[in-house]
């Protein structure tokens, strides 16, 4: 189970353990964004400091339906007790966790400031 809190601005946030694939992990607070179709987005400064390996440029559709190229990187997340390879997008924004990473999970959000945010593995 991964847990967190709703911010005063009503953003559901959790802290995840994120690694660069070379053995070291760092705690990162992310916004759970159900409208984001990528696994994980991180700001460029954090991508640089983590030393992530560049994969390629990919095209991303934004909320205004415009396509924009962004840089993609390799990373690892400790997810529900297991290491999971993820694609990290340089979106130039605050850290976001998207729907593909939530696949197979149950997300519960108590929608009020400081409300509980819980991500649990779905039972088969």
PDB file of N, CA and C in Angstrom:
ATOM      1  N   UNK A   1       0.847  -1.178   0.000  1.00  0.00           N
ATOM      2  CA  UNK A   1       0.000   0.000   0.000  1.00  0.00           C
ATOM      3  C   UNK A   1       0.895   1.245   0.000  1.00  0.00           C
ATOM      4  N   UNK A   2       0.477   2.218  -0.772  1.00  0.00           N
ATOM      5  CA  UNK A   2       1.149   3.514  -0.832  1.00  0.00           C
ATOM      6  C   UNK A   2       0.136   4.541  -0.335  1.00  0.00           C
ATOM      7  N   UNK A   3       0.564   5.413   0.565  1.00  0.00           N
ATOM      8  CA  UNK A   3      -0.403   6.370   1.105  1.00  0.00           C
ATOM      9  C   UNK A   3       0.168   7.780   1.101  1.00  0.00           C
ATOM     10  N   UNK A   4      -0.750   8.731   1.163  1.00  0.00           N
ATOM     11  CA  UNK A   4      -0.368  10.131   1.183  1.00  0.00           C
ATOM     12  C   UNK A   4      -1.527  10.979   1.651  1.00  0.00           C
ATOM     13  N   UNK A   5      -1.496  12.254   1.282  1.00  0.00           N
ATOM     14  CA  UNK A   5      -2.504  13.218   1.725  1.00  0.00           C
ATOM     15  C   UNK A   5      -2.900  14.146   0.582  1.00  0.00           C
ATOM     16  N   UNK A   6      -4.077  14.728   0.703  1.00  0.00           N
ATOM     17  CA  UNK A   6      -4.545  15.749  -0.231  1.00  0.00           C
ATOM     18  C   UNK A   6      -3.977  17.090   0.236  1.00  0.00           C
ATOM     19  N   UNK A   7      -3.394  17.837  -0.701  1.00  0.00           N
ATOM     20  CA  UNK A   7      -2.788  19.130  -0.371  1.00  0.00           C
ATOM     21  C   UNK A   7      -3.872  20.174  -0.088  1.00  0.00           C
ATOM     22  N   UNK A   8      -3.501  21.324   0.489  1.00  0.00           N
ATOM     23  CA  UNK A   8      -4.475  22.401   0.701  1.00  0.00           C
ATOM     24  C   UNK A   8      -5.122  22.869  -0.611  1.00  0.00           C
ATOM     25  N   UNK A   9      -4.397  22.691  -1.741  1.00  0.00           N
ATOM     26  CA  UNK A   9      -4.939  23.071  -3.058  1.00  0.00           C
ATOM     27  C   UNK A   9      -5.758  21.941  -3.679  1.00  0.00           C
ATOM     28  N   UNK A  10      -5.983  20.870  -2.907  1.00  0.00           N
ATOM     29  CA  UNK A  10      -6.786  19.698  -3.295  1.00  0.00           C
ATOM     30  C   UNK A  10      -6.111  18.795  -4.333  1.00  0.00           C
ATOM     31  N   UNK A  11      -4.786  18.714  -4.304  1.00  0.00           N
ATOM     32  CA  UNK A  11      -4.057  17.769  -5.149  1.00  0.00           C
ATOM     33  C   UNK A  11      -3.761  16.511  -4.342  1.00  0.00           C
ATOM     34  N   UNK A  12      -4.182  15.330  -4.834  1.00  0.00           N
ATOM     35  CA  UNK A  12      -3.824  14.103  -4.127  1.00  0.00           C
ATOM     36  C   UNK A  12      -2.337  13.812  -4.326  1.00  0.00           C
ATOM     37  N   UNK A  13      -1.595  13.657  -3.223  1.00  0.00           N
ATOM     38  CA  UNK A  13      -0.149  13.449  -3.307  1.00  0.00           C
ATOM     39  C   UNK A  13       0.258  12.216  -2.515  1.00  0.00           C
ATOM     40  N   UNK A  14       1.241  11.495  -3.060  1.00  0.00           N
ATOM     41  CA  UNK A  14       1.853  10.367  -2.362  1.00  0.00           C
ATOM     42  C   UNK A  14       3.362  10.485  -2.517  1.00  0.00           C
ATOM     43  N   UNK A  15       4.091   9.798  -1.665  1.00  0.00           N
ATOM     44  CA  UNK A  15       5.544   9.745  -1.776  1.00  0.00           C
ATOM     45  C   UNK A  15       5.928   8.369  -2.284  1.00  0.00           C
ATOM     46  N   UNK A  16       6.735   8.338  -3.350  1.00  0.00           N
ATOM     47  CA  UNK A  16       7.196   7.070  -3.909  1.00  0.00           C
ATOM     48  C   UNK A  16       8.711   6.997  -3.799  1.00  0.00           C
ATOM     49  N   UNK A  17       9.223   5.785  -3.838  1.00  0.00           N
ATOM     50  CA  UNK A  17      10.668   5.558  -3.862  1.00  0.00           C
ATOM     51  C   UNK A  17      11.063   5.388  -5.319  1.00  0.00           C
ATOM     52  N   UNK A  18      11.930   6.278  -5.793  1.00  0.00           N
ATOM     53  CA  UNK A  18      12.298   6.312  -7.202  1.00  0.00           C
ATOM     54  C   UNK A  18      13.795   6.129  -7.347  1.00  0.00           C
ATOM     55  N   UNK A  19      14.199   5.339  -8.345  1.00  0.00           N
ATOM     56  CA  UNK A  19      15.618   5.097  -8.577  1.00  0.00           C
ATOM     57  C   UNK A  19      16.017   5.304 -10.022  1.00  0.00           C
ATOM     58  N   UNK A  20      17.321   5.418 -10.230  1.00  0.00           N
ATOM     59  CA  UNK A  20      17.851   5.647 -11.577  1.00  0.00           C
ATOM     60  C   UNK A  20      18.287   4.356 -12.257  1.00  0.00           C
ATOM     61  N   UNK A  21      17.988   3.205 -11.659  1.00  0.00           N
ATOM     62  CA  UNK A  21      18.366   1.931 -12.244  1.00  0.00           C
ATOM     63  C   UNK A  21      19.784   1.503 -11.891  1.00  0.00           C
ATOM     64  N   UNK A  22      20.466   2.291 -11.087  1.00  0.00           N
ATOM     65  CA  UNK A  22      21.849   1.975 -10.701  1.00  0.00           C
ATOM     66  C   UNK A  22      21.942   1.635  -9.213  1.00  0.00           C
ATOM     67  N   UNK A  23      20.792   1.334  -8.594  1.00  0.00           N
ATOM     68  CA  UNK A  23      20.798   0.864  -7.213  1.00  0.00           C
ATOM     69  C   UNK A  23      20.396   1.847  -6.140  1.00  0.00           C
ATOM     70  N   UNK A  24      20.448   3.147  -6.413  1.00  0.00           N
ATOM     71  CA  UNK A  24      20.082   4.108  -5.367  1.00  0.00           C
ATOM     72  C   UNK A  24      18.650   4.603  -5.575  1.00  0.00           C
ATOM     73  N   UNK A  25      17.927   4.744  -4.466  1.00  0.00           N
ATOM     74  CA  UNK A  25      16.548   5.217  -4.502  1.00  0.00           C
ATOM     75  C   UNK A  25      16.429   6.508  -3.708  1.00  0.00           C
ATOM     76  N   UNK A  26      15.446   7.319  -4.087  1.00  0.00           N
ATOM     77  CA  UNK A  26      15.186   8.596  -3.430  1.00  0.00           C
ATOM     78  C   UNK A  26      13.677   8.747  -3.277  1.00  0.00           C
ATOM     79  N   UNK A  27      13.229   9.297  -2.150  1.00  0.00           N
ATOM     80  CA  UNK A  27      11.803   9.563  -1.941  1.00  0.00           C
ATOM     81  C   UNK A  27      11.408  10.810  -2.718  1.00  0.00           C
ATOM     82  N   UNK A  28      10.314  10.694  -3.483  1.00  0.00           N
ATOM     83  CA  UNK A  28       9.814  11.819  -4.278  1.00  0.00           C
ATOM     84  C   UNK A  28       8.307  11.943  -4.061  1.00  0.00           C
ATOM     85  N   UNK A  29       7.858  13.151  -3.725  1.00  0.00           N
ATOM     86  CA  UNK A  29       6.423  13.400  -3.603  1.00  0.00           C
ATOM     87  C   UNK A  29       5.866  13.709  -4.985  1.00  0.00           C
ATOM     88  N   UNK A  30       4.791  13.001  -5.353  1.00  0.00           N
ATOM     89  CA  UNK A  30       4.186  13.171  -6.675  1.00  0.00           C
ATOM     90  C   UNK A  30       2.696  13.462  -6.529  1.00  0.00           C
ATOM     91  N   UNK A  31       2.154  14.182  -7.511  1.00  0.00           N
ATOM     92  CA  UNK A  31       0.711  14.391  -7.609  1.00  0.00           C
ATOM     93  C   UNK A  31       0.134  13.216  -8.383  1.00  0.00           C
ATOM     94  N   UNK A  32      -0.905  12.592  -7.857  1.00  0.00           N
ATOM     95  CA  UNK A  32      -1.603  11.528  -8.572  1.00  0.00           C
ATOM     96  C   UNK A  32      -2.548  12.218  -9.552  1.00  0.00           C
ATOM     97  N   UNK A  33      -2.256  12.074 -10.852  1.00  0.00           N
ATOM     98  CA  UNK A  33      -2.994  12.790 -11.896  1.00  0.00           C
ATOM     99  C   UNK A  33      -3.688  11.778 -12.806  1.00  0.00           C
ATOM    100  N   UNK A  34      -4.989  11.562 -12.574  1.00  0.00           N
ATOM    101  CA  UNK A  34      -5.728  10.574 -13.364  1.00  0.00           C
ATOM    102  C   UNK A  34      -5.948  11.022 -14.804  1.00  0.00           C
ATOM    103  N   UNK A  35      -5.646  12.265 -15.126  1.00  0.00           N
ATOM    104  CA  UNK A  35      -5.734  12.752 -16.499  1.00  0.00           C
ATOM    105  C   UNK A  35      -4.423  12.638 -17.257  1.00  0.00           C
ATOM    106  N   UNK A  36      -3.378  12.144 -16.596  1.00  0.00           N
ATOM    107  CA  UNK A  36      -2.055  12.014 -17.207  1.00  0.00           C
ATOM    108  C   UNK A  36      -1.886  10.589 -17.720  1.00  0.00           C
ATOM    109  N   UNK A  37      -1.614  10.444 -19.017  1.00  0.00           N
ATOM    110  CA  UNK A  37      -1.534   9.116 -19.630  1.00  0.00           C
ATOM    111  C   UNK A  37      -0.123   8.537 -19.654  1.00  0.00           C
ATOM    112  N   UNK A  38       0.839   9.218 -19.039  1.00  0.00           N
ATOM    113  CA  UNK A  38       2.181   8.662 -18.894  1.00  0.00           C
ATOM    114  C   UNK A  38       2.323   8.005 -17.534  1.00  0.00           C
ATOM    115  N   UNK A  39       3.431   7.277 -17.345  1.00  0.00           N
ATOM    116  CA  UNK A  39       3.659   6.642 -16.049  1.00  0.00           C
ATOM    117  C   UNK A  39       4.091   7.665 -15.005  1.00  0.00           C
ATOM    118  N   UNK A  40       5.121   8.438 -15.364  1.00  0.00           N
ATOM    119  CA  UNK A  40       5.692   9.376 -14.412  1.00  0.00           C
ATOM    120  C   UNK A  40       6.250  10.573 -15.165  1.00  0.00           C
ATOM    121  N   UNK A  41       6.037  11.775 -14.646  1.00  0.00           N
ATOM    122  CA  UNK A  41       6.642  12.993 -15.199  1.00  0.00           C
ATOM    123  C   UNK A  41       7.418  13.669 -14.079  1.00  0.00           C
ATOM    124  N   UNK A  42       8.630  14.102 -14.406  1.00  0.00           N
ATOM    125  CA  UNK A  42       9.471  14.791 -13.431  1.00  0.00           C
ATOM    126  C   UNK A  42      10.025  16.063 -14.049  1.00  0.00           C
ATOM    127  N   UNK A  43      10.316  17.081 -13.228  1.00  0.00           N
ATOM    128  CA  UNK A  43      10.925  18.301 -13.760  1.00  0.00           C
ATOM    129  C   UNK A  43      12.366  18.028 -14.197  1.00  0.00           C
ATOM    130  N   UNK A  44      12.868  18.801 -15.165  1.00  0.00           N
ATOM    131  CA  UNK A  44      14.205  18.552 -15.715  1.00  0.00           C
ATOM    132  C   UNK A  44      15.324  18.605 -14.674  1.00  0.00           C
ATOM    133  N   UNK A  45      15.206  19.488 -13.674  1.00  0.00           N
ATOM    134  CA  UNK A  45      16.259  19.575 -12.649  1.00  0.00           C
ATOM    135  C   UNK A  45      16.375  18.265 -11.876  1.00  0.00           C
ATOM    136  N   UNK A  46      15.235  17.650 -11.573  1.00  0.00           N
ATOM    137  CA  UNK A  46      15.233  16.391 -10.834  1.00  0.00           C
ATOM    138  C   UNK A  46      15.763  15.255 -11.705  1.00  0.00           C
ATOM    139  N   UNK A  47      15.392  15.257 -12.973  1.00  0.00           N
ATOM    140  CA  UNK A  47      15.904  14.248 -13.910  1.00  0.00           C
ATOM    141  C   UNK A  47      17.423  14.317 -13.968  1.00  0.00           C
ATOM    142  N   UNK A  48      17.963  15.535 -14.060  1.00  0.00           N
ATOM    143  CA  UNK A  48      19.429  15.705 -14.104  1.00  0.00           C
ATOM    144  C   UNK A  48      20.080  15.244 -12.806  1.00  0.00           C
ATOM    145  N   UNK A  49      19.512  15.647 -11.672  1.00  0.00           N
ATOM    146  CA  UNK A  49      20.132  15.296 -10.389  1.00  0.00           C
ATOM    147  C   UNK A  49      20.101  13.791 -10.126  1.00  0.00           C
ATOM    148  N   UNK A  50      19.100  13.103 -10.669  1.00  0.00           N
ATOM    149  CA  UNK A  50      19.015  11.653 -10.503  1.00  0.00           C
ATOM    150  C   UNK A  50      19.911  10.904 -11.489  1.00  0.00           C
ATOM    151  N   UNK A  51      20.379  11.597 -12.530  1.00  0.00           N
ATOM    152  CA  UNK A  51      21.235  10.959 -13.524  1.00  0.00           C
ATOM    153  C   UNK A  51      20.511   9.919 -14.360  1.00  0.00           C
ATOM    154  N   UNK A  52      19.258  10.215 -14.749  1.00  0.00           N
ATOM    155  CA  UNK A  52      18.478   9.251 -15.527  1.00  0.00           C
ATOM    156  C   UNK A  52      19.019   9.112 -16.943  1.00  0.00           C
ATOM    157  N   UNK A  53      18.872   7.907 -17.489  1.00  0.00           N
ATOM    158  CA  UNK A  53      19.353   7.626 -18.839  1.00  0.00           C
ATOM    159  C   UNK A  53      18.293   8.013 -19.872  1.00  0.00           C
ATOM    160  N   UNK A  54      18.704   8.847 -20.827  1.00  0.00           N
ATOM    161  CA  UNK A  54      17.819   9.315 -21.899  1.00  0.00           C
ATOM    162  C   UNK A  54      17.478   8.151 -22.822  1.00  0.00           C
ATOM    163  N   UNK A  55      16.201   8.044 -23.213  1.00  0.00           N
ATOM    164  CA  UNK A  55      15.757   7.011 -24.152  1.00  0.00           C
ATOM    165  C   UNK A  55      15.560   7.614 -25.537  1.00  0.00           C
ATOM    166  N   UNK A  56      14.632   8.603 -25.625  1.00  0.00           N
ATOM    167  CA  UNK A  56      14.237   9.145 -26.922  1.00  0.00           C
ATOM    168  C   UNK A  56      13.298  10.327 -26.687  1.00  0.00           C
ATOM    169  N   UNK A  57      12.990  11.045 -27.746  1.00  0.00           N
ATOM    170  CA  UNK A  57      11.923  12.039 -27.695  1.00  0.00           C
ATOM    171  C   UNK A  57      10.620  11.339 -28.072  1.00  0.00           C
ATOM    172  N   UNK A  58       9.545  11.669 -27.370  1.00  0.00           N
ATOM    173  CA  UNK A  58       8.231  11.103 -27.670  1.00  0.00           C
ATOM    174  C   UNK A  58       7.234  12.245 -27.813  1.00  0.00           C
ATOM    175  N   UNK A  59       6.152  11.991 -28.540  1.00  0.00           N
ATOM    176  CA  UNK A  59       5.106  12.992 -28.720  1.00  0.00           C
ATOM    177  C   UNK A  59       4.036  12.778 -27.652  1.00  0.00           C
ATOM    178  N   UNK A  60       3.658  13.858 -26.984  1.00  0.00           N
ATOM    179  CA  UNK A  60       2.678  13.800 -25.905  1.00  0.00           C
ATOM    180  C   UNK A  60       1.535  14.745 -26.242  1.00  0.00           C
ATOM    181  N   UNK A  61       0.289  14.259 -26.086  1.00  0.00           N
ATOM    182  CA  UNK A  61      -0.883  15.108 -26.287  1.00  0.00           C
ATOM    183  C   UNK A  61      -1.195  15.819 -24.974  1.00  0.00           C
ATOM    184  N   UNK A  62      -1.244  17.131 -25.005  1.00  0.00           N
ATOM    185  CA  UNK A  62      -1.532  17.931 -23.813  1.00  0.00           C
ATOM    186  C   UNK A  62      -3.039  18.107 -23.638  1.00  0.00           C
ATOM    187  N   UNK A  63      -3.440  18.713 -22.540  1.00  0.00           N
ATOM    188  CA  UNK A  63      -4.861  18.901 -22.243  1.00  0.00           C
ATOM    189  C   UNK A  63      -5.573  19.696 -23.334  1.00  0.00           C
ATOM    190  N   UNK A  64      -4.844  20.602 -23.999  1.00  0.00           N
ATOM    191  CA  UNK A  64      -5.458  21.393 -25.076  1.00  0.00           C
ATOM    192  C   UNK A  64      -5.428  20.645 -26.414  1.00  0.00           C
ATOM    193  N   UNK A  65      -5.082  19.355 -26.364  1.00  0.00           N
ATOM    194  CA  UNK A  65      -5.039  18.438 -27.514  1.00  0.00           C
ATOM    195  C   UNK A  65      -3.907  18.725 -28.493  1.00  0.00           C
ATOM    196  N   UNK A  66      -2.998  19.591 -28.127  1.00  0.00           N
ATOM    197  CA  UNK A  66      -1.831  19.866 -28.966  1.00  0.00           C
ATOM    198  C   UNK A  66      -0.762  18.826 -28.655  1.00  0.00           C
ATOM    199  N   UNK A  67      -0.101  18.341 -29.699  1.00  0.00           N
ATOM    200  CA  UNK A  67       1.004  17.395 -29.515  1.00  0.00           C
ATOM    201  C   UNK A  67       2.288  18.177 -29.275  1.00  0.00           C
ATOM    202  N   UNK A  68       3.105  17.658 -28.365  1.00  0.00           N
ATOM    203  CA  UNK A  68       4.362  18.316 -28.042  1.00  0.00           C
ATOM    204  C   UNK A  68       5.434  17.250 -27.830  1.00  0.00           C
ATOM    205  N   UNK A  69       6.618  17.438 -28.419  1.00  0.00           N
ATOM    206  CA  UNK A  69       7.680  16.459 -28.161  1.00  0.00           C
ATOM    207  C   UNK A  69       8.287  16.689 -26.774  1.00  0.00           C
ATOM    208  N   UNK A  70       8.523  15.598 -26.059  1.00  0.00           N
ATOM    209  CA  UNK A  70       9.187  15.668 -24.757  1.00  0.00           C
ATOM    210  C   UNK A  70      10.251  14.582 -24.692  1.00  0.00           C
ATOM    211  N   UNK A  71      11.222  14.792 -23.834  1.00  0.00           N
ATOM    212  CA  UNK A  71      12.298  13.818 -23.665  1.00  0.00           C
ATOM    213  C   UNK A  71      11.837  12.723 -22.705  1.00  0.00           C
ATOM    214  N   UNK A  72      12.184  11.473 -23.032  1.00  0.00           N
ATOM    215  CA  UNK A  72      11.828  10.324 -22.199  1.00  0.00           C
ATOM    216  C   UNK A  72      13.094   9.689 -21.627  1.00  0.00           C
ATOM    217  N   UNK A  73      12.998   9.227 -20.390  1.00  0.00           N
ATOM    218  CA  UNK A  73      14.130   8.653 -19.660  1.00  0.00           C
ATOM    219  C   UNK A  73      13.708   7.340 -19.006  1.00  0.00           C
ATOM    220  N   UNK A  74      14.707   6.518 -18.663  1.00  0.00           N
ATOM    221  CA  UNK A  74      14.459   5.271 -17.940  1.00  0.00           C
ATOM    222  C   UNK A  74      14.577   5.507 -16.443  1.00  0.00           C
ATOM    223  N   UNK A  75      13.690   4.876 -15.678  1.00  0.00           N
ATOM    224  CA  UNK A  75      13.768   4.951 -14.228  1.00  0.00           C
ATOM    225  C   UNK A  75      13.199   3.691 -13.608  1.00  0.00           C
ATOM    226  N   UNK A  76      13.263   3.612 -12.293  1.00  0.00           N
ATOM    227  CA  UNK A  76      12.741   2.471 -11.540  1.00  0.00           C
ATOM    228  C   UNK A  76      11.967   3.021 -10.348  1.00  0.00           C
ATOM    229  N   UNK A  77      10.809   2.413 -10.089  1.00  0.00           N
ATOM    230  CA  UNK A  77       9.989   2.791  -8.948  1.00  0.00           C
ATOM    231  C   UNK A  77       9.823   1.568  -8.055  1.00  0.00           C
ATOM    232  N   UNK A  78       9.889   1.768  -6.751  1.00  0.00           N
ATOM    233  CA  UNK A  78       9.510   0.713  -5.817  1.00  0.00           C
ATOM    234  C   UNK A  78       7.992   0.807  -5.700  1.00  0.00           C
ATOM    235  N   UNK A  79       7.299  -0.152  -6.285  1.00  0.00           N
ATOM    236  CA  UNK A  79       5.850  -0.081  -6.403  1.00  0.00           C
ATOM    237  C   UNK A  79       5.217  -1.299  -5.752  1.00  0.00           C
ATOM    238  N   UNK A  80       4.445  -1.094  -4.714  1.00  0.00           N
ATOM    239  CA  UNK A  80       3.768  -2.167  -3.992  1.00  0.00           C
ATOM    240  C   UNK A  80       4.751  -3.270  -3.593  1.00  0.00           C
ATOM    241  N   UNK A  81       5.944  -2.862  -3.162  1.00  0.00           N
ATOM    242  CA  UNK A  81       6.932  -3.802  -2.661  1.00  0.00           C
ATOM    243  C   UNK A  81       7.831  -4.432  -3.709  1.00  0.00           C
ATOM    244  N   UNK A  82       7.669  -4.040  -4.978  1.00  0.00           N
ATOM    245  CA  UNK A  82       8.493  -4.598  -6.052  1.00  0.00           C
ATOM    246  C   UNK A  82       9.099  -3.476  -6.883  1.00  0.00           C
ATOM    247  N   UNK A  83      10.269  -3.745  -7.457  1.00  0.00           N
ATOM    248  CA  UNK A  83      10.877  -2.778  -8.382  1.00  0.00           C
ATOM    249  C   UNK A  83      10.164  -2.864  -9.719  1.00  0.00           C
ATOM    250  N   UNK A  84       9.890  -1.706 -10.287  1.00  0.00           N
ATOM    251  CA  UNK A  84       9.170  -1.658 -11.561  1.00  0.00           C
ATOM    252  C   UNK A  84       9.837  -0.629 -12.459  1.00  0.00           C
ATOM    253  N   UNK A  85      10.220  -1.058 -13.680  1.00  0.00           N
ATOM    254  CA  UNK A  85      10.796  -0.137 -14.657  1.00  0.00           C
ATOM    255  C   UNK A  85       9.715   0.814 -15.154  1.00  0.00           C
ATOM    256  N   UNK A  86      10.056   2.092 -15.276  1.00  0.00           N
ATOM    257  CA  UNK A  86       9.098   3.093 -15.746  1.00  0.00           C
ATOM    258  C   UNK A  86       9.761   4.016 -16.758  1.00  0.00           C
ATOM    259  N   UNK A  87       8.928   4.603 -17.594  1.00  0.00           N
ATOM    260  CA  UNK A  87       9.370   5.658 -18.497  1.00  0.00           C
ATOM    261  C   UNK A  87       9.031   6.988 -17.842  1.00  0.00           C
ATOM    262  N   UNK A  88      10.028   7.837 -17.736  1.00  0.00           N
ATOM    263  CA  UNK A  88       9.874   9.147 -17.099  1.00  0.00           C
ATOM    264  C   UNK A  88       9.889  10.214 -18.183  1.00  0.00           C
ATOM    265  N   UNK A  89       8.889  11.078 -18.183  1.00  0.00           N
ATOM    266  CA  UNK A  89       8.808  12.158 -19.163  1.00  0.00           C
ATOM    267  C   UNK A  89       9.253  13.472 -18.539  1.00  0.00           C
ATOM    268  N   UNK A  90      10.018  14.231 -19.303  1.00  0.00           N
ATOM    269  CA  UNK A  90      10.438  15.575 -18.896  1.00  0.00           C
ATOM    270  C   UNK A  90       9.347  16.537 -19.342  1.00  0.00           C
ATOM    271  N   UNK A  91       8.396  16.780 -18.440  1.00  0.00           N
ATOM    272  CA  UNK A  91       7.255  17.637 -18.770  1.00  0.00           C
ATOM    273  C   UNK A  91       7.453  19.061 -18.269  1.00  0.00           C
ATOM    274  N   UNK A  92       8.566  19.316 -17.583  1.00  0.00           N
ATOM    275  CA  UNK A  92       8.818  20.657 -17.079  1.00  0.00           C
ATOM    276  C   UNK A  92       7.838  21.084 -16.012  1.00  0.00           C
ATOM    277  N   UNK A  93       7.246  20.105 -15.329  1.00  0.00           N
ATOM    278  CA  UNK A  93       6.229  20.421 -14.329  1.00  0.00           C
ATOM    279  C   UNK A  93       6.587  19.753 -13.009  1.00  0.00           C
ATOM    280  N   UNK A  94       5.685  19.901 -12.041  1.00  0.00           N
ATOM    281  CA  UNK A  94       5.912  19.196 -10.788  1.00  0.00           C
ATOM    282  C   UNK A  94       5.750  17.696 -11.037  1.00  0.00           C
ATOM    283  N   UNK A  95       6.307  16.857 -10.177  1.00  0.00           N
ATOM    284  CA  UNK A  95       6.233  15.409 -10.387  1.00  0.00           C
ATOM    285  C   UNK A  95       4.787  14.910 -10.448  1.00  0.00           C
ATOM    286  N   UNK A  96       4.502  14.118 -11.491  1.00  0.00           N
ATOM    287  CA  UNK A  96       3.167  13.560 -11.700  1.00  0.00           C
ATOM    288  C   UNK A  96       3.242  12.046 -11.807  1.00  0.00           C
ATOM    289  N   UNK A  97       2.254  11.366 -11.237  1.00  0.00           N
ATOM    290  CA  UNK A  97       2.089   9.927 -11.374  1.00  0.00           C
ATOM    291  C   UNK A  97       0.817   9.718 -12.173  1.00  0.00           C
ATOM    292  N   UNK A  98       0.905   8.986 -13.296  1.00  0.00           N
ATOM    293  CA  UNK A  98      -0.228   8.835 -14.194  1.00  0.00           C
ATOM    294  C   UNK A  98      -0.901   7.476 -14.147  1.00  0.00           C
ATOM    295  N   UNK A  99      -1.937   7.340 -14.958  1.00  0.00           N
ATOM    296  CA  UNK A  99      -2.779   6.151 -14.969  1.00  0.00           C
ATOM    297  C   UNK A  99      -2.045   4.849 -15.295  1.00  0.00           C
ATOM    298  N   UNK A 100      -1.096   4.807 -16.245  1.00  0.00           N
ATOM    299  CA  UNK A 100      -0.443   3.520 -16.517  1.00  0.00           C
ATOM    300  C   UNK A 100       0.252   2.918 -15.291  1.00  0.00           C
ATOM    301  N   UNK A 101       0.782   3.741 -14.419  1.00  0.00           N
ATOM    302  CA  UNK A 101       1.422   3.224 -13.208  1.00  0.00           C
ATOM    303  C   UNK A 101       0.369   2.720 -12.214  1.00  0.00           C
ATOM    304  N   UNK A 102      -0.832   3.277 -12.275  1.00  0.00           N
ATOM    305  CA  UNK A 102      -1.916   2.865 -11.381  1.00  0.00           C
ATOM    306  C   UNK A 102      -2.642   1.608 -11.857  1.00  0.00           C
ATOM    307  N   UNK A 103      -2.380   1.168 -13.072  1.00  0.00           N
ATOM    308  CA  UNK A 103      -3.067  -0.001 -13.636  1.00  0.00           C
ATOM    309  C   UNK A 103      -2.944  -1.192 -12.685  1.00  0.00           C
ATOM    310  N   UNK A 104      -4.066  -1.813 -12.354  1.00  0.00           N
ATOM    311  CA  UNK A 104      -4.076  -2.944 -11.430  1.00  0.00           C
ATOM    312  C   UNK A 104      -4.143  -2.532  -9.973  1.00  0.00           C
ATOM    313  N   UNK A 105      -4.377  -1.247  -9.731  1.00  0.00           N
ATOM    314  CA  UNK A 105      -4.442  -0.732  -8.360  1.00  0.00           C
ATOM    315  C   UNK A 105      -5.803  -0.107  -8.092  1.00  0.00           C
ATOM    316  N   UNK A 106      -6.107   0.049  -6.819  1.00  0.00           N
ATOM    317  CA  UNK A 106      -7.295   0.783  -6.393  1.00  0.00           C
ATOM    318  C   UNK A 106      -6.813   2.093  -5.779  1.00  0.00           C
ATOM    319  N   UNK A 107      -7.323   3.212  -6.295  1.00  0.00           N
ATOM    320  CA  UNK A 107      -6.987   4.538  -5.783  1.00  0.00           C
ATOM    321  C   UNK A 107      -8.175   5.063  -4.994  1.00  0.00           C
ATOM    322  N   UNK A 108      -7.933   5.430  -3.739  1.00  0.00           N
ATOM    323  CA  UNK A 108      -8.974   6.009  -2.894  1.00  0.00           C
ATOM    324  C   UNK A 108      -8.498   7.380  -2.431  1.00  0.00           C
ATOM    325  N   UNK A 109      -9.340   8.395  -2.650  1.00  0.00           N
ATOM    326  CA  UNK A 109      -8.992   9.761  -2.262  1.00  0.00           C
ATOM    327  C   UNK A 109     -10.134  10.344  -1.436  1.00  0.00           C
ATOM    328  N   UNK A 110      -9.819  10.807  -0.251  1.00  0.00           N
ATOM    329  CA  UNK A 110     -10.770  11.542   0.567  1.00  0.00           C
ATOM    330  C   UNK A 110     -10.617  13.011   0.177  1.00  0.00           C
ATOM    331  N   UNK A 111     -11.553  13.517  -0.608  1.00  0.00           N
ATOM    332  CA  UNK A 111     -11.408  14.822  -1.275  1.00  0.00           C
ATOM    333  C   UNK A 111     -11.678  16.000  -0.349  1.00  0.00           C
ATOM    334  N   UNK A 112     -10.674  16.287   0.473  1.00  0.00           N
ATOM    335  CA  UNK A 112     -10.677  17.467   1.344  1.00  0.00           C
ATOM    336  C   UNK A 112      -9.229  17.729   1.733  1.00  0.00           C
ATOM    337  N   UNK A 113      -8.883  18.953   2.103  1.00  0.00           N
ATOM    338  CA  UNK A 113      -7.508  19.214   2.529  1.00  0.00           C
ATOM    339  C   UNK A 113      -7.084  18.244   3.634  1.00  0.00           C
ATOM    340  N   UNK A 114      -5.916  17.664   3.463  1.00  0.00           N
ATOM    341  CA  UNK A 114      -5.331  16.682   4.383  1.00  0.00           C
ATOM    342  C   UNK A 114      -6.073  15.349   4.393  1.00  0.00           C
ATOM    343  N   UNK A 115      -6.978  15.143   3.423  1.00  0.00           N
ATOM    344  CA  UNK A 115      -7.677  13.864   3.310  1.00  0.00           C
ATOM    345  C   UNK A 115      -6.716  12.756   2.907  1.00  0.00           C
ATOM    346  N   UNK A 116      -7.080  11.531   3.199  1.00  0.00           N
ATOM    347  CA  UNK A 116      -6.227  10.379   2.910  1.00  0.00           C
ATOM    348  C   UNK A 116      -6.212  10.050   1.417  1.00  0.00           C
ATOM    349  N   UNK A 117      -5.027   9.668   0.928  1.00  0.00           N
ATOM    350  CA  UNK A 117      -4.845   9.144  -0.430  1.00  0.00           C
ATOM    351  C   UNK A 117      -4.225   7.764  -0.256  1.00  0.00           C
ATOM    352  N   UNK A 118      -4.878   6.732  -0.812  1.00  0.00           N
ATOM    353  CA  UNK A 118      -4.392   5.363  -0.653  1.00  0.00           C
ATOM    354  C   UNK A 118      -4.381   4.675  -2.013  1.00  0.00           C
ATOM    355  N   UNK A 119      -3.245   4.044  -2.334  1.00  0.00           N
ATOM    356  CA  UNK A 119      -3.121   3.228  -3.543  1.00  0.00           C
ATOM    357  C   UNK A 119      -2.853   1.809  -3.070  1.00  0.00           C
ATOM    358  N   UNK A 120      -3.780   0.898  -3.405  1.00  0.00           N
ATOM    359  CA  UNK A 120      -3.650  -0.496  -3.003  1.00  0.00           C
ATOM    360  C   UNK A 120      -3.641  -1.384  -4.233  1.00  0.00           C
ATOM    361  N   UNK A 121      -2.934  -2.496  -4.124  1.00  0.00           N
ATOM    362  CA  UNK A 121      -2.926  -3.472  -5.197  1.00  0.00           C
ATOM    363  C   UNK A 121      -4.294  -4.139  -5.251  1.00  0.00           C
ATOM    364  N   UNK A 122      -4.862  -4.265  -6.456  1.00  0.00           N
ATOM    365  CA  UNK A 122      -6.133  -4.968  -6.617  1.00  0.00           C
ATOM    366  C   UNK A 122      -5.905  -6.458  -6.411  1.00  0.00           C
ATOM    367  N   UNK A 123      -6.838  -7.103  -5.760  1.00  0.00           N
ATOM    368  CA  UNK A 123      -6.745  -8.552  -5.587  1.00  0.00           C
ATOM    369  C   UNK A 123      -7.231  -9.230  -6.853  1.00  0.00           C
ATOM    370  N   UNK A 124      -6.561 -10.313  -7.228  1.00  0.00           N
ATOM    371  CA  UNK A 124      -6.928 -11.049  -8.456  1.00  0.00           C
ATOM    372  C   UNK A 124      -8.183 -11.847  -8.261  1.00  0.00           C
TER     373      UNK A 124
END
